[in-house]
Each structure stands twice: as C-alpha cells, then as structure tokens.
N, C-alpha and C. Protein backbone atom coordinates (compact mmCIF):
# COMPACT_ATOMS: atom_id res chain seq x y z
N MET A 1 -24.32 -107.66 -13.12
CA MET A 1 -24.10 -107.33 -11.73
C MET A 1 -24.04 -105.80 -11.60
N PRO A 2 -24.67 -105.24 -10.56
CA PRO A 2 -24.61 -103.80 -10.37
C PRO A 2 -23.18 -103.34 -10.10
N SER A 3 -22.94 -102.06 -10.27
CA SER A 3 -21.62 -101.49 -9.98
C SER A 3 -21.54 -101.05 -8.53
N TYR A 4 -20.40 -101.26 -7.91
CA TYR A 4 -20.17 -100.86 -6.53
C TYR A 4 -18.86 -100.09 -6.44
N TYR A 5 -18.85 -99.08 -5.59
CA TYR A 5 -17.63 -98.34 -5.31
C TYR A 5 -16.68 -99.27 -4.56
N ILE A 6 -15.43 -99.28 -4.96
CA ILE A 6 -14.43 -100.11 -4.30
C ILE A 6 -13.35 -99.20 -3.74
N ALA A 7 -13.03 -99.38 -2.46
CA ALA A 7 -11.97 -98.62 -1.81
C ALA A 7 -10.74 -99.51 -1.68
N TYR A 8 -9.58 -98.96 -2.01
CA TYR A 8 -8.32 -99.69 -1.91
C TYR A 8 -7.41 -98.99 -0.91
N GLU A 9 -6.68 -99.77 -0.12
CA GLU A 9 -5.69 -99.24 0.81
C GLU A 9 -4.46 -100.13 0.77
N ARG A 10 -3.30 -99.51 0.86
CA ARG A 10 -2.07 -100.31 1.03
C ARG A 10 -2.01 -100.72 2.49
N ASP A 11 -1.62 -101.93 2.74
CA ASP A 11 -1.47 -102.34 4.14
C ASP A 11 0.01 -102.44 4.49
N GLY A 12 0.30 -102.70 5.74
CA GLY A 12 1.68 -102.78 6.22
C GLY A 12 2.46 -103.92 5.65
N LYS A 13 1.80 -104.90 5.07
CA LYS A 13 2.48 -106.08 4.52
C LYS A 13 2.81 -105.89 3.04
N GLN A 14 2.71 -104.67 2.56
CA GLN A 14 2.97 -104.33 1.17
C GLN A 14 2.00 -105.01 0.21
N GLY A 15 0.80 -105.17 0.67
CA GLY A 15 -0.26 -105.68 -0.18
C GLY A 15 -1.37 -104.65 -0.21
N TYR A 16 -2.53 -105.05 -0.66
CA TYR A 16 -3.67 -104.13 -0.77
C TYR A 16 -4.91 -104.74 -0.15
N VAL A 17 -5.65 -103.89 0.53
CA VAL A 17 -6.94 -104.27 1.08
C VAL A 17 -7.98 -103.57 0.22
N ALA A 18 -8.95 -104.33 -0.25
CA ALA A 18 -10.03 -103.76 -1.06
C ALA A 18 -11.35 -104.02 -0.34
N SER A 19 -12.24 -103.03 -0.37
CA SER A 19 -13.53 -103.21 0.27
C SER A 19 -14.61 -102.55 -0.58
N ALA A 20 -15.83 -103.05 -0.39
CA ALA A 20 -17.01 -102.48 -1.03
C ALA A 20 -17.86 -101.92 0.11
N PRO A 21 -17.72 -100.63 0.43
CA PRO A 21 -18.40 -100.05 1.58
C PRO A 21 -19.92 -100.25 1.60
N ALA A 22 -20.55 -100.38 0.46
CA ALA A 22 -22.00 -100.58 0.40
C ALA A 22 -22.40 -101.97 0.88
N LEU A 23 -21.43 -102.86 0.97
CA LEU A 23 -21.69 -104.24 1.41
C LEU A 23 -20.84 -104.50 2.66
N PRO A 24 -21.37 -104.19 3.84
CA PRO A 24 -20.59 -104.35 5.06
C PRO A 24 -19.97 -105.75 5.17
N GLY A 25 -18.69 -105.77 5.52
CA GLY A 25 -17.99 -107.04 5.67
C GLY A 25 -17.36 -107.56 4.39
N CYS A 26 -17.60 -106.89 3.29
CA CYS A 26 -17.05 -107.32 2.00
C CYS A 26 -15.66 -106.69 1.86
N VAL A 27 -14.66 -107.37 2.41
CA VAL A 27 -13.29 -106.87 2.46
C VAL A 27 -12.35 -108.02 2.08
N VAL A 28 -11.37 -107.74 1.25
CA VAL A 28 -10.42 -108.77 0.82
C VAL A 28 -9.01 -108.22 0.82
N TYR A 29 -8.05 -109.10 0.62
CA TYR A 29 -6.64 -108.75 0.55
C TYR A 29 -6.07 -109.27 -0.76
N GLY A 30 -5.12 -108.56 -1.29
CA GLY A 30 -4.38 -109.03 -2.45
C GLY A 30 -2.94 -108.58 -2.36
N LYS A 31 -2.02 -109.40 -2.84
CA LYS A 31 -0.60 -109.03 -2.82
C LYS A 31 -0.33 -107.88 -3.80
N THR A 32 -1.11 -107.86 -4.88
CA THR A 32 -1.00 -106.77 -5.86
C THR A 32 -2.36 -106.11 -5.99
N LEU A 33 -2.37 -104.93 -6.60
CA LEU A 33 -3.64 -104.23 -6.82
C LEU A 33 -4.55 -105.05 -7.73
N GLN A 34 -3.97 -105.70 -8.72
CA GLN A 34 -4.76 -106.53 -9.63
C GLN A 34 -5.38 -107.72 -8.90
N GLU A 35 -4.60 -108.33 -8.01
CA GLU A 35 -5.13 -109.46 -7.24
C GLU A 35 -6.25 -108.99 -6.31
N ALA A 36 -6.06 -107.83 -5.68
CA ALA A 36 -7.11 -107.28 -4.80
C ALA A 36 -8.37 -107.00 -5.61
N TYR A 37 -8.20 -106.49 -6.83
CA TYR A 37 -9.36 -106.22 -7.70
C TYR A 37 -10.10 -107.52 -8.04
N ARG A 38 -9.38 -108.54 -8.43
CA ARG A 38 -10.02 -109.83 -8.75
C ARG A 38 -10.72 -110.41 -7.52
N ASN A 39 -10.05 -110.31 -6.37
CA ASN A 39 -10.63 -110.85 -5.14
C ASN A 39 -11.89 -110.11 -4.72
N ILE A 40 -11.91 -108.78 -4.87
CA ILE A 40 -13.09 -108.03 -4.44
C ILE A 40 -14.25 -108.28 -5.41
N GLN A 41 -13.96 -108.50 -6.68
CA GLN A 41 -15.03 -108.83 -7.64
C GLN A 41 -15.72 -110.14 -7.23
N THR A 42 -14.92 -111.13 -6.88
CA THR A 42 -15.46 -112.41 -6.42
C THR A 42 -16.22 -112.23 -5.12
N ALA A 43 -15.65 -111.46 -4.19
CA ALA A 43 -16.29 -111.25 -2.89
C ALA A 43 -17.63 -110.53 -3.03
N ILE A 44 -17.70 -109.55 -3.91
CA ILE A 44 -18.96 -108.83 -4.13
C ILE A 44 -20.02 -109.80 -4.62
N GLN A 45 -19.68 -110.62 -5.60
CA GLN A 45 -20.62 -111.59 -6.13
C GLN A 45 -21.10 -112.54 -5.03
N GLU A 46 -20.17 -113.01 -4.21
CA GLU A 46 -20.53 -113.94 -3.13
C GLU A 46 -21.38 -113.26 -2.06
N CYS A 47 -21.06 -112.01 -1.73
CA CYS A 47 -21.87 -111.26 -0.76
C CYS A 47 -23.31 -111.09 -1.27
N LEU A 48 -23.44 -110.76 -2.54
CA LEU A 48 -24.77 -110.60 -3.12
C LEU A 48 -25.55 -111.91 -3.12
N GLU A 49 -24.86 -113.02 -3.36
CA GLU A 49 -25.52 -114.32 -3.32
C GLU A 49 -26.02 -114.64 -1.91
N VAL A 50 -25.22 -114.33 -0.90
CA VAL A 50 -25.64 -114.56 0.49
C VAL A 50 -26.84 -113.69 0.83
N ILE A 51 -26.80 -112.42 0.42
CA ILE A 51 -27.93 -111.52 0.69
C ILE A 51 -29.19 -112.06 0.02
N TYR A 52 -29.09 -112.49 -1.24
CA TYR A 52 -30.24 -113.03 -1.95
C TYR A 52 -30.78 -114.26 -1.23
N GLU A 53 -29.89 -115.17 -0.83
CA GLU A 53 -30.33 -116.39 -0.14
C GLU A 53 -31.04 -116.06 1.17
N ARG A 54 -30.50 -115.10 1.92
CA ARG A 54 -31.13 -114.72 3.19
C ARG A 54 -32.50 -114.11 2.96
N ILE A 55 -32.62 -113.26 1.95
CA ILE A 55 -33.92 -112.65 1.65
C ILE A 55 -34.89 -113.74 1.21
N HIS A 56 -34.44 -114.63 0.35
CA HIS A 56 -35.30 -115.70 -0.16
C HIS A 56 -35.75 -116.61 0.98
N HIS A 57 -34.83 -117.04 1.83
CA HIS A 57 -35.19 -117.92 2.95
C HIS A 57 -36.08 -117.20 3.95
N ARG A 58 -35.83 -115.91 4.15
CA ARG A 58 -36.67 -115.15 5.08
C ARG A 58 -38.10 -115.10 4.55
N ALA A 59 -38.24 -114.86 3.25
CA ALA A 59 -39.58 -114.81 2.67
C ALA A 59 -40.28 -116.15 2.82
N ILE A 60 -39.57 -117.24 2.58
CA ILE A 60 -40.16 -118.57 2.72
C ILE A 60 -40.54 -118.82 4.18
N ASP A 61 -39.64 -118.46 5.10
CA ASP A 61 -39.93 -118.65 6.53
C ASP A 61 -41.16 -117.85 6.96
N GLU A 62 -41.31 -116.62 6.44
CA GLU A 62 -42.47 -115.80 6.78
C GLU A 62 -43.76 -116.43 6.23
N ILE A 63 -43.71 -116.97 5.04
CA ILE A 63 -44.89 -117.62 4.45
C ILE A 63 -45.27 -118.84 5.29
N ILE A 64 -44.29 -119.65 5.66
CA ILE A 64 -44.56 -120.83 6.49
C ILE A 64 -45.13 -120.40 7.83
N GLU A 65 -44.57 -119.35 8.42
CA GLU A 65 -45.07 -118.86 9.71
C GLU A 65 -46.52 -118.39 9.57
N ASP A 66 -46.82 -117.67 8.50
CA ASP A 66 -48.20 -117.22 8.27
C ASP A 66 -49.15 -118.39 8.12
N ILE A 67 -48.72 -119.40 7.38
CA ILE A 67 -49.57 -120.58 7.19
C ILE A 67 -49.79 -121.28 8.53
N ASN A 68 -48.74 -121.41 9.32
CA ASN A 68 -48.86 -122.03 10.63
C ASN A 68 -49.75 -121.22 11.57
N ASP A 69 -49.81 -119.91 11.37
CA ASP A 69 -50.66 -119.05 12.18
C ASP A 69 -52.09 -118.98 11.63
N GLY A 70 -52.36 -119.73 10.57
CA GLY A 70 -53.70 -119.75 9.99
C GLY A 70 -53.99 -118.60 9.05
N LYS A 71 -52.97 -117.86 8.66
CA LYS A 71 -53.15 -116.74 7.74
C LYS A 71 -52.82 -117.20 6.33
N THR A 72 -53.47 -116.57 5.37
CA THR A 72 -53.13 -116.83 3.98
C THR A 72 -52.13 -115.76 3.56
N PRO A 73 -50.94 -116.15 3.14
CA PRO A 73 -49.96 -115.16 2.71
C PRO A 73 -50.53 -114.31 1.58
N PRO A 74 -50.21 -113.01 1.55
CA PRO A 74 -50.75 -112.12 0.52
C PRO A 74 -50.54 -112.62 -0.89
N SER A 75 -49.42 -113.27 -1.17
CA SER A 75 -49.15 -113.75 -2.52
C SER A 75 -50.10 -114.88 -2.92
N LEU A 76 -50.73 -115.54 -1.95
CA LEU A 76 -51.66 -116.63 -2.26
C LEU A 76 -53.11 -116.15 -2.27
N ASN A 77 -53.34 -114.91 -1.85
CA ASN A 77 -54.69 -114.35 -1.85
C ASN A 77 -55.17 -114.00 -3.25
N HIS A 78 -54.26 -113.69 -4.13
CA HIS A 78 -54.60 -113.24 -5.46
C HIS A 78 -54.69 -114.43 -6.40
N ARG A 79 -55.83 -114.57 -7.05
CA ARG A 79 -55.99 -115.60 -8.06
C ARG A 79 -56.18 -114.92 -9.41
N PRO A 80 -55.59 -115.49 -10.43
CA PRO A 80 -55.85 -114.94 -11.77
C PRO A 80 -57.34 -114.98 -12.08
N THR A 81 -57.82 -114.05 -12.86
CA THR A 81 -59.23 -113.95 -13.20
C THR A 81 -59.78 -115.26 -13.75
N SER A 82 -58.98 -115.97 -14.52
CA SER A 82 -59.44 -117.24 -15.12
C SER A 82 -59.72 -118.31 -14.06
N MET A 83 -59.16 -118.15 -12.86
CA MET A 83 -59.36 -119.16 -11.81
C MET A 83 -60.47 -118.77 -10.85
N LYS A 84 -60.98 -117.55 -10.93
CA LYS A 84 -62.03 -117.14 -10.00
C LYS A 84 -63.35 -117.77 -10.38
N LYS A 85 -64.13 -118.11 -9.37
CA LYS A 85 -65.44 -118.72 -9.62
C LYS A 85 -66.50 -117.67 -9.77
C-alpha cells in the first residue's frame, strides 16, 4: 500500500481525529492515538478499495456505452500479431 500523510488532532472529547488529506473524506476517530492510527490505516485501505471499484466500474460502463453506440473500444481494436489475418 502506498504511504499517505496522516494528520492528527485532539478533539474536545479527549480523543483523536486522524485524517488522510490526500483522500478527501478519509477521517476517523480514536479514543487514543494508537486507536486513531489503527482506524486511519483501515480507512485508507477501504477508501482506496472504493476508488479502485469506482474506476473499474466506470471503465466497464464506458466500454458498454461505446459498444451500445456502435464503437469498438480502443482496448478491443488491438489484436496480437498472431491473431491478425
């Protein structure tokens, strides 16, 4: 997993808020600094999984849309040399 800068803040409830600014919305709470660290590690992984899924589904949706529009998606235009006639 790539490394991300993590910002920590004490909150009014005597706990800690941790965030990964590079991943908007990736913010967690922990009663202790260690708990906040564990929680943000999990949250970063989950945020990255959501981003991957959205990119993957978007790519699939675009391919389906191209096929429905009668276009051949660029990835299907290329055939290996062994398959060319």
